[in-house]
Amino acid sequence: MRSGSLRLYAAEPEKLMARWRENWPFPDLRLLGERWVDPDMEDVFTAYSQGYDGVLKKLVP
């Protein structure tokens, strides 16, 4: 959670959000919307430290 928003890291975020718009899997939570943000250094560090090599290759050319 960051600034009241949940940040997700996904290999195919557009497909994930499309599936969630069709069938929301969390009955106790409401999806109010989504927005795409550019990665910052914290995102890059998180991806690196958690082994998201595929994400890093897209973030850092």
PDB file of N, CA and C in Angstrom:
ATOM      1  N   MET A   1       0.850  -1.165   0.000  1.00  0.00           N
ATOM      2  CA  MET A   1       0.000   0.000   0.000  1.00  0.00           C
ATOM      3  C   MET A   1       0.895   1.227   0.000  1.00  0.00           C
ATOM      4  N   ARG A   2       0.533   2.162  -0.828  1.00  0.00           N
ATOM      5  CA  ARG A   2       1.309   3.394  -0.903  1.00  0.00           C
ATOM      6  C   ARG A   2       0.328   4.529  -1.129  1.00  0.00           C
ATOM      7  N   SER A   3       0.298   5.486  -0.245  1.00  0.00           N
ATOM      8  CA  SER A   3      -0.592   6.649  -0.356  1.00  0.00           C
ATOM      9  C   SER A   3      -2.053   6.238  -0.511  1.00  0.00           C
ATOM     10  N   GLY A   4      -2.450   5.184   0.194  1.00  0.00           N
ATOM     11  CA  GLY A   4      -3.840   4.744   0.133  1.00  0.00           C
ATOM     12  C   GLY A   4      -4.189   3.941  -1.098  1.00  0.00           C
ATOM     13  N   SER A   5      -3.219   3.649  -1.919  1.00  0.00           N
ATOM     14  CA  SER A   5      -3.436   2.874  -3.140  1.00  0.00           C
ATOM     15  C   SER A   5      -2.620   1.598  -3.088  1.00  0.00           C
ATOM     16  N   LEU A   6      -3.161   0.570  -3.645  1.00  0.00           N
ATOM     17  CA  LEU A   6      -2.447  -0.693  -3.732  1.00  0.00           C
ATOM     18  C   LEU A   6      -1.674  -0.726  -5.028  1.00  0.00           C
ATOM     19  N   ARG A   7      -0.403  -1.054  -4.952  1.00  0.00           N
ATOM     20  CA  ARG A   7       0.431  -1.159  -6.158  1.00  0.00           C
ATOM     21  C   ARG A   7       0.642  -2.626  -6.445  1.00  0.00           C
ATOM     22  N   LEU A   8       0.385  -3.015  -7.674  1.00  0.00           N
ATOM     23  CA  LEU A   8       0.553  -4.399  -8.090  1.00  0.00           C
ATOM     24  C   LEU A   8       1.657  -4.490  -9.126  1.00  0.00           C
ATOM     25  N   TYR A   9       2.404  -5.563  -9.046  1.00  0.00           N
ATOM     26  CA  TYR A   9       3.406  -5.870 -10.050  1.00  0.00           C
ATOM     27  C   TYR A   9       2.927  -7.145 -10.727  1.00  0.00           C
ATOM     28  N   ALA A  10       2.715  -7.100 -12.026  1.00  0.00           N
ATOM     29  CA  ALA A  10       2.222  -8.270 -12.752  1.00  0.00           C
ATOM     30  C   ALA A  10       2.919  -8.337 -14.100  1.00  0.00           C
ATOM     31  N   ALA A  11       3.135  -9.568 -14.568  1.00  0.00           N
ATOM     32  CA  ALA A  11       3.780  -9.753 -15.867  1.00  0.00           C
ATOM     33  C   ALA A  11       2.910  -9.201 -16.994  1.00  0.00           C
ATOM     34  N   GLU A  12       1.594  -9.377 -16.878  1.00  0.00           N
ATOM     35  CA  GLU A  12       0.662  -8.896 -17.905  1.00  0.00           C
ATOM     36  C   GLU A  12      -0.465  -8.114 -17.219  1.00  0.00           C
ATOM     37  N   PRO A  13      -0.184  -6.894 -16.780  1.00  0.00           N
ATOM     38  CA  PRO A  13      -1.166  -6.147 -15.984  1.00  0.00           C
ATOM     39  C   PRO A  13      -2.466  -5.835 -16.719  1.00  0.00           C
ATOM     40  N   GLU A  14      -2.407  -5.583 -18.026  1.00  0.00           N
ATOM     41  CA  GLU A  14      -3.628  -5.270 -18.762  1.00  0.00           C
ATOM     42  C   GLU A  14      -4.582  -6.462 -18.762  1.00  0.00           C
ATOM     43  N   LYS A  15      -4.035  -7.665 -18.958  1.00  0.00           N
ATOM     44  CA  LYS A  15      -4.861  -8.872 -18.944  1.00  0.00           C
ATOM     45  C   LYS A  15      -5.435  -9.126 -17.551  1.00  0.00           C
ATOM     46  N   LEU A  16      -4.612  -8.900 -16.529  1.00  0.00           N
ATOM     47  CA  LEU A  16      -5.082  -9.088 -15.161  1.00  0.00           C
ATOM     48  C   LEU A  16      -6.250  -8.154 -14.862  1.00  0.00           C
ATOM     49  N   MET A  17      -6.113  -6.880 -15.202  1.00  0.00           N
ATOM     50  CA  MET A  17      -7.190  -5.921 -14.927  1.00  0.00           C
ATOM     51  C   MET A  17      -8.442  -6.240 -15.737  1.00  0.00           C
ATOM     52  N   ALA A  18      -8.278  -6.694 -16.965  1.00  0.00           N
ATOM     53  CA  ALA A  18      -9.442  -7.071 -17.782  1.00  0.00           C
ATOM     54  C   ALA A  18     -10.197  -8.221 -17.126  1.00  0.00           C
ATOM     55  N   ARG A  19      -9.464  -9.222 -16.633  1.00  0.00           N
ATOM     56  CA  ARG A  19     -10.116 -10.349 -15.944  1.00  0.00           C
ATOM     57  C   ARG A  19     -10.817  -9.871 -14.689  1.00  0.00           C
ATOM     58  N   TRP A  20     -10.171  -8.997 -13.928  1.00  0.00           N
ATOM     59  CA  TRP A  20     -10.781  -8.505 -12.695  1.00  0.00           C
ATOM     60  C   TRP A  20     -12.007  -7.647 -12.971  1.00  0.00           C
ATOM     61  N   ARG A  21     -12.016  -6.880 -14.057  1.00  0.00           N
ATOM     62  CA  ARG A  21     -13.206  -6.088 -14.386  1.00  0.00           C
ATOM     63  C   ARG A  21     -14.386  -7.003 -14.696  1.00  0.00           C
ATOM     64  N   GLU A  22     -14.122  -8.146 -15.315  1.00  0.00           N
ATOM     65  CA  GLU A  22     -15.187  -9.106 -15.641  1.00  0.00           C
ATOM     66  C   GLU A  22     -15.642  -9.885 -14.418  1.00  0.00           C
ATOM     67  N   ASN A  23     -14.704 -10.292 -13.592  1.00  0.00           N
ATOM     68  CA  ASN A  23     -15.027 -11.142 -12.449  1.00  0.00           C
ATOM     69  C   ASN A  23     -14.138 -10.759 -11.278  1.00  0.00           C
ATOM     70  N   TRP A  24     -14.626  -9.874 -10.424  1.00  0.00           N
ATOM     71  CA  TRP A  24     -13.845  -9.385  -9.291  1.00  0.00           C
ATOM     72  C   TRP A  24     -13.729 -10.497  -8.242  1.00  0.00           C
ATOM     73  N   PRO A  25     -12.501 -10.962  -7.933  1.00  0.00           N
ATOM     74  CA  PRO A  25     -12.326 -12.118  -7.048  1.00  0.00           C
ATOM     75  C   PRO A  25     -12.290 -11.807  -5.546  1.00  0.00           C
ATOM     76  N   PHE A  26     -12.468 -10.557  -5.160  1.00  0.00           N
ATOM     77  CA  PHE A  26     -12.355 -10.174  -3.754  1.00  0.00           C
ATOM     78  C   PHE A  26     -13.668  -9.568  -3.266  1.00  0.00           C
ATOM     79  N   PRO A  27     -14.588 -10.384  -2.751  1.00  0.00           N
ATOM     80  CA  PRO A  27     -15.926  -9.891  -2.402  1.00  0.00           C
ATOM     81  C   PRO A  27     -15.944  -8.807  -1.322  1.00  0.00           C
ATOM     82  N   ASP A  28     -14.934  -8.758  -0.465  1.00  0.00           N
ATOM     83  CA  ASP A  28     -14.917  -7.762   0.608  1.00  0.00           C
ATOM     84  C   ASP A  28     -14.257  -6.448   0.217  1.00  0.00           C
ATOM     85  N   LEU A  29     -13.763  -6.351  -1.018  1.00  0.00           N
ATOM     86  CA  LEU A  29     -13.108  -5.132  -1.499  1.00  0.00           C
ATOM     87  C   LEU A  29     -13.824  -4.621  -2.739  1.00  0.00           C
ATOM     88  N   ARG A  30     -13.785  -3.310  -2.909  1.00  0.00           N
ATOM     89  CA  ARG A  30     -14.356  -2.706  -4.114  1.00  0.00           C
ATOM     90  C   ARG A  30     -13.246  -2.128  -4.970  1.00  0.00           C
ATOM     91  N   LEU A  31     -13.300  -2.411  -6.253  1.00  0.00           N
ATOM     92  CA  LEU A  31     -12.361  -1.816  -7.201  1.00  0.00           C
ATOM     93  C   LEU A  31     -12.935  -0.479  -7.642  1.00  0.00           C
ATOM     94  N   LEU A  32     -12.256   0.584  -7.282  1.00  0.00           N
ATOM     95  CA  LEU A  32     -12.744   1.918  -7.618  1.00  0.00           C
ATOM     96  C   LEU A  32     -12.167   2.422  -8.931  1.00  0.00           C
ATOM     97  N   GLY A  33     -11.114   1.786  -9.404  1.00  0.00           N
ATOM     98  CA  GLY A  33     -10.491   2.205 -10.650  1.00  0.00           C
ATOM     99  C   GLY A  33      -9.045   1.785 -10.658  1.00  0.00           C
ATOM    100  N   GLU A  34      -8.387   2.113 -11.748  1.00  0.00           N
ATOM    101  CA  GLU A  34      -6.964   1.823 -11.826  1.00  0.00           C
ATOM    102  C   GLU A  34      -6.275   2.938 -12.573  1.00  0.00           C
ATOM    103  N   ARG A  35      -4.977   3.032 -12.349  1.00  0.00           N
ATOM    104  CA  ARG A  35      -4.164   3.987 -13.095  1.00  0.00           C
ATOM    105  C   ARG A  35      -2.784   3.380 -13.242  1.00  0.00           C
ATOM    106  N   TRP A  36      -2.153   3.728 -14.322  1.00  0.00           N
ATOM    107  CA  TRP A  36      -0.824   3.207 -14.619  1.00  0.00           C
ATOM    108  C   TRP A  36       0.193   4.275 -14.262  1.00  0.00           C
ATOM    109  N   VAL A  37       1.261   3.864 -13.607  1.00  0.00           N
ATOM    110  CA  VAL A  37       2.299   4.818 -13.214  1.00  0.00           C
ATOM    111  C   VAL A  37       3.647   4.335 -13.731  1.00  0.00           C
ATOM    112  N   ASP A  38       4.535   5.274 -13.962  1.00  0.00           N
ATOM    113  CA  ASP A  38       5.898   4.923 -14.340  1.00  0.00           C
ATOM    114  C   ASP A  38       6.621   4.379 -13.113  1.00  0.00           C
ATOM    115  N   PRO A  39       7.473   3.389 -13.305  1.00  0.00           N
ATOM    116  CA  PRO A  39       8.205   2.844 -12.163  1.00  0.00           C
ATOM    117  C   PRO A  39       9.196   3.863 -11.613  1.00  0.00           C
ATOM    118  N   ASP A  40       9.347   3.836 -10.292  1.00  0.00           N
ATOM    119  CA  ASP A  40      10.371   4.672  -9.677  1.00  0.00           C
ATOM    120  C   ASP A  40      11.472   3.758  -9.147  1.00  0.00           C
ATOM    121  N   MET A  41      12.470   4.311  -8.506  1.00  0.00           N
ATOM    122  CA  MET A  41      13.604   3.510  -8.041  1.00  0.00           C
ATOM    123  C   MET A  41      13.169   2.466  -7.011  1.00  0.00           C
ATOM    124  N   GLU A  42      12.172   2.786  -6.195  1.00  0.00           N
ATOM    125  CA  GLU A  42      11.673   1.806  -5.228  1.00  0.00           C
ATOM    126  C   GLU A  42      11.071   0.601  -5.948  1.00  0.00           C
ATOM    127  N   ASP A  43      10.347   0.852  -7.043  1.00  0.00           N
ATOM    128  CA  ASP A  43       9.782  -0.241  -7.836  1.00  0.00           C
ATOM    129  C   ASP A  43      10.886  -1.121  -8.418  1.00  0.00           C
ATOM    130  N   VAL A  44      11.932  -0.495  -8.938  1.00  0.00           N
ATOM    131  CA  VAL A  44      13.038  -1.241  -9.518  1.00  0.00           C
ATOM    132  C   VAL A  44      13.726  -2.073  -8.440  1.00  0.00           C
ATOM    133  N   PHE A  45      13.973  -1.482  -7.276  1.00  0.00           N
ATOM    134  CA  PHE A  45      14.604  -2.215  -6.182  1.00  0.00           C
ATOM    135  C   PHE A  45      13.723  -3.383  -5.737  1.00  0.00           C
ATOM    136  N   THR A  46      12.427  -3.148  -5.588  1.00  0.00           N
ATOM    137  CA  THR A  46      11.507  -4.207  -5.181  1.00  0.00           C
ATOM    138  C   THR A  46      11.517  -5.347  -6.192  1.00  0.00           C
ATOM    139  N   ALA A  47      11.445  -5.013  -7.458  1.00  0.00           N
ATOM    140  CA  ALA A  47      11.465  -6.044  -8.498  1.00  0.00           C
ATOM    141  C   ALA A  47      12.766  -6.835  -8.440  1.00  0.00           C
ATOM    142  N   TYR A  48      13.877  -6.145  -8.304  1.00  0.00           N
ATOM    143  CA  TYR A  48      15.178  -6.814  -8.249  1.00  0.00           C
ATOM    144  C   TYR A  48      15.290  -7.706  -7.020  1.00  0.00           C
ATOM    145  N   SER A  49      14.913  -7.181  -5.866  1.00  0.00           N
ATOM    146  CA  SER A  49      15.084  -7.929  -4.615  1.00  0.00           C
ATOM    147  C   SER A  49      14.150  -9.130  -4.526  1.00  0.00           C
ATOM    148  N   GLN A  50      13.033  -9.100  -5.262  1.00  0.00           N
ATOM    149  CA  GLN A  50      12.095 -10.218  -5.217  1.00  0.00           C
ATOM    150  C   GLN A  50      12.236 -11.138  -6.428  1.00  0.00           C
ATOM    151  N   GLY A  51      13.240 -10.900  -7.257  1.00  0.00           N
ATOM    152  CA  GLY A  51      13.524 -11.805  -8.358  1.00  0.00           C
ATOM    153  C   GLY A  51      12.643 -11.649  -9.576  1.00  0.00           C
ATOM    154  N   TYR A  52      12.075 -10.473  -9.801  1.00  0.00           N
ATOM    155  CA  TYR A  52      11.242 -10.238 -10.977  1.00  0.00           C
ATOM    156  C   TYR A  52      12.113  -9.821 -12.159  1.00  0.00           C
ATOM    157  N   ASP A  53      12.897 -10.750 -12.671  1.00  0.00           N
ATOM    158  CA  ASP A  53      13.816 -10.437 -13.763  1.00  0.00           C
ATOM    159  C   ASP A  53      13.094  -9.959 -15.015  1.00  0.00           C
ATOM    160  N   GLY A  54      11.947 -10.553 -15.330  1.00  0.00           N
ATOM    161  CA  GLY A  54      11.186 -10.148 -16.520  1.00  0.00           C
ATOM    162  C   GLY A  54      10.725  -8.712 -16.422  1.00  0.00           C
ATOM    163  N   VAL A  55      10.312  -8.296 -15.250  1.00  0.00           N
ATOM    164  CA  VAL A  55       9.882  -6.912 -15.025  1.00  0.00           C
ATOM    165  C   VAL A  55      11.064  -5.981 -15.194  1.00  0.00           C
ATOM    166  N   LEU A  56      12.209  -6.348 -14.637  1.00  0.00           N
ATOM    167  CA  LEU A  56      13.393  -5.491 -14.725  1.00  0.00           C
ATOM    168  C   LEU A  56      13.827  -5.284 -16.177  1.00  0.00           C
ATOM    169  N   LYS A  57      13.764  -6.317 -16.974  1.00  0.00           N
ATOM    170  CA  LYS A  57      14.192  -6.192 -18.374  1.00  0.00           C
ATOM    171  C   LYS A  57      13.319  -5.192 -19.122  1.00  0.00           C
ATOM    172  N   LYS A  58      12.045  -5.062 -18.719  1.00  0.00           N
ATOM    173  CA  LYS A  58      11.162  -4.086 -19.349  1.00  0.00           C
ATOM    174  C   LYS A  58      11.396  -2.692 -18.778  1.00  0.00           C
ATOM    175  N   LEU A  59      11.746  -2.601 -17.463  1.00  0.00           N
ATOM    176  CA  LEU A  59      11.901  -1.302 -16.822  1.00  0.00           C
ATOM    177  C   LEU A  59      13.227  -0.646 -17.148  1.00  0.00           C
ATOM    178  N   VAL A  60      14.279  -1.449 -17.197  1.00  0.00           N
ATOM    179  CA  VAL A  60      15.625  -0.903 -17.379  1.00  0.00           C
ATOM    180  C   VAL A  60      16.191  -1.477 -18.656  1.00  0.00           C
ATOM    181  N   PRO A  61      16.212  -0.696 -19.743  1.00  0.00           N
ATOM    182  CA  PRO A  61      16.719  -1.209 -21.018  1.00  0.00           C
ATOM    183  C   PRO A  61      18.210  -1.508 -20.982  1.00  0.00           C
TER     184      PRO A  61
END
